[in-house]
Amino acid sequence: MPKVKTNSSAKKRFKLTGTGKIARKNAFKSHILTKKTTKQKRNLTTTSYVSDADSGNVKRMLAIGK
């Protein structure tokens, strides 16, 4: 059987934590920041986790598990 390739865009966007969760960055933090409040921009800086519904697809792209 051939090797399973990792999706290149996924490996740049997601990171596996020590507990097995998948960390991701928040959207809406790249441009058009002048109209957003300081509190909103600060809260978007923190990392979030991929939801359980989407974690299977992300793990498949990262070639984790099955």
C-alpha atoms as a PDB file:
ATOM      1  CA  MET A   1       0.000   0.000   0.000  1.00  0.00           C
ATOM      2  CA  PRO A   2       1.214   3.544  -0.684  1.00  0.00           C
ATOM      3  CA  LYS A   3       1.923   6.021   2.055  1.00  0.00           C
ATOM      4  CA  VAL A   4      -0.855   8.374   3.147  1.00  0.00           C
ATOM      5  CA  LYS A   5       0.044  11.954   2.301  1.00  0.00           C
ATOM      6  CA  THR A   6      -0.610  14.812   4.695  1.00  0.00           C
ATOM      7  CA  ASN A   7      -2.598  17.745   3.300  1.00  0.00           C
ATOM      8  CA  SER A   8      -0.093  20.610   3.021  1.00  0.00           C
ATOM      9  CA  SER A   9      -2.596  23.356   3.784  1.00  0.00           C
ATOM     10  CA  ALA A  10      -3.881  21.496   6.845  1.00  0.00           C
ATOM     11  CA  LYS A  11      -0.459  21.013   8.406  1.00  0.00           C
ATOM     12  CA  LYS A  12       0.091  24.779   8.230  1.00  0.00           C
ATOM     13  CA  ARG A  13      -3.267  25.602   9.853  1.00  0.00           C
ATOM     14  CA  PHE A  14      -3.739  22.969  12.569  1.00  0.00           C
ATOM     15  CA  LYS A  15      -1.640  21.705  15.456  1.00  0.00           C
ATOM     16  CA  LEU A  16      -2.141  18.669  17.658  1.00  0.00           C
ATOM     17  CA  THR A  17      -2.071  19.324  21.414  1.00  0.00           C
ATOM     18  CA  GLY A  18      -0.700  16.985  24.057  1.00  0.00           C
ATOM     19  CA  THR A  19      -4.184  15.842  25.047  1.00  0.00           C
ATOM     20  CA  GLY A  20      -5.113  14.954  21.457  1.00  0.00           C
ATOM     21  CA  LYS A  21      -7.204  18.013  20.631  1.00  0.00           C
ATOM     22  CA  ILE A  22      -6.627  19.950  17.426  1.00  0.00           C
ATOM     23  CA  ALA A  23      -5.783  23.627  17.887  1.00  0.00           C
ATOM     24  CA  ARG A  24      -6.610  26.280  15.299  1.00  0.00           C
ATOM     25  CA  LYS A  25      -6.410  30.044  14.925  1.00  0.00           C
ATOM     26  CA  ASN A  26      -9.479  32.249  14.841  1.00  0.00           C
ATOM     27  CA  ALA A  27     -10.680  33.846  11.622  1.00  0.00           C
ATOM     28  CA  PHE A  28     -11.312  37.585  11.045  1.00  0.00           C
ATOM     29  CA  LYS A  29      -7.907  38.701  12.387  1.00  0.00           C
ATOM     30  CA  SER A  30      -5.994  39.307   9.150  1.00  0.00           C
ATOM     31  CA  HIS A  31      -7.266  42.626   7.729  1.00  0.00           C
ATOM     32  CA  ILE A  32      -9.948  45.320   8.081  1.00  0.00           C
ATOM     33  CA  LEU A  33      -9.015  45.675  11.743  1.00  0.00           C
ATOM     34  CA  THR A  34      -9.797  49.388  12.107  1.00  0.00           C
ATOM     35  CA  LYS A  35     -13.541  48.869  12.533  1.00  0.00           C
ATOM     36  CA  LYS A  36     -13.102  46.085  15.100  1.00  0.00           C
ATOM     37  CA  THR A  37     -12.869  46.931  18.777  1.00  0.00           C
ATOM     38  CA  THR A  38      -9.724  46.307  20.787  1.00  0.00           C
ATOM     39  CA  LYS A  39     -11.536  43.713  22.877  1.00  0.00           C
ATOM     40  CA  GLN A  40     -12.673  41.832  19.782  1.00  0.00           C
ATOM     41  CA  LYS A  41      -9.153  41.793  18.304  1.00  0.00           C
ATOM     42  CA  ARG A  42      -7.682  40.643  21.630  1.00  0.00           C
ATOM     43  CA  ASN A  43     -10.169  37.787  21.923  1.00  0.00           C
ATOM     44  CA  LEU A  44      -9.448  36.668  18.351  1.00  0.00           C
ATOM     45  CA  THR A  45      -5.734  36.305  19.207  1.00  0.00           C
ATOM     46  CA  THR A  46      -6.291  33.280  21.443  1.00  0.00           C
ATOM     47  CA  THR A  47      -6.242  29.807  19.915  1.00  0.00           C
ATOM     48  CA  SER A  48      -9.403  27.743  19.649  1.00  0.00           C
ATOM     49  CA  TYR A  49     -10.034  24.052  19.190  1.00  0.00           C
ATOM     50  CA  VAL A  50     -11.627  22.229  16.281  1.00  0.00           C
ATOM     51  CA  SER A  51     -15.141  21.033  17.102  1.00  0.00           C
ATOM     52  CA  ASP A  52     -15.876  17.334  17.522  1.00  0.00           C
ATOM     53  CA  ALA A  53     -17.977  17.344  14.342  1.00  0.00           C
ATOM     54  CA  ASP A  54     -15.038  18.575  12.236  1.00  0.00           C
ATOM     55  CA  SER A  55     -12.188  16.809  14.020  1.00  0.00           C
ATOM     56  CA  GLY A  56     -12.585  13.633  11.956  1.00  0.00           C
ATOM     57  CA  ASN A  57     -12.113  15.492   8.689  1.00  0.00           C
ATOM     58  CA  VAL A  58      -9.106  17.378  10.025  1.00  0.00           C
ATOM     59  CA  LYS A  59      -7.504  14.200  11.357  1.00  0.00           C
ATOM     60  CA  ARG A  60      -7.969  12.595   7.964  1.00  0.00           C
ATOM     61  CA  MET A  61      -6.222  15.542   6.308  1.00  0.00           C
ATOM     62  CA  LEU A  62      -3.379  15.357   8.824  1.00  0.00           C
ATOM     63  CA  ALA A  63      -3.152  11.546   8.418  1.00  0.00           C
ATOM     64  CA  ILE A  64      -3.673  10.954  12.160  1.00  0.00           C
ATOM     65  CA  GLY A  65      -5.124   7.679  13.323  1.00  0.00           C
ATOM     66  CA  LYS A  66      -6.873   5.549  10.739  1.00  0.00           C
END
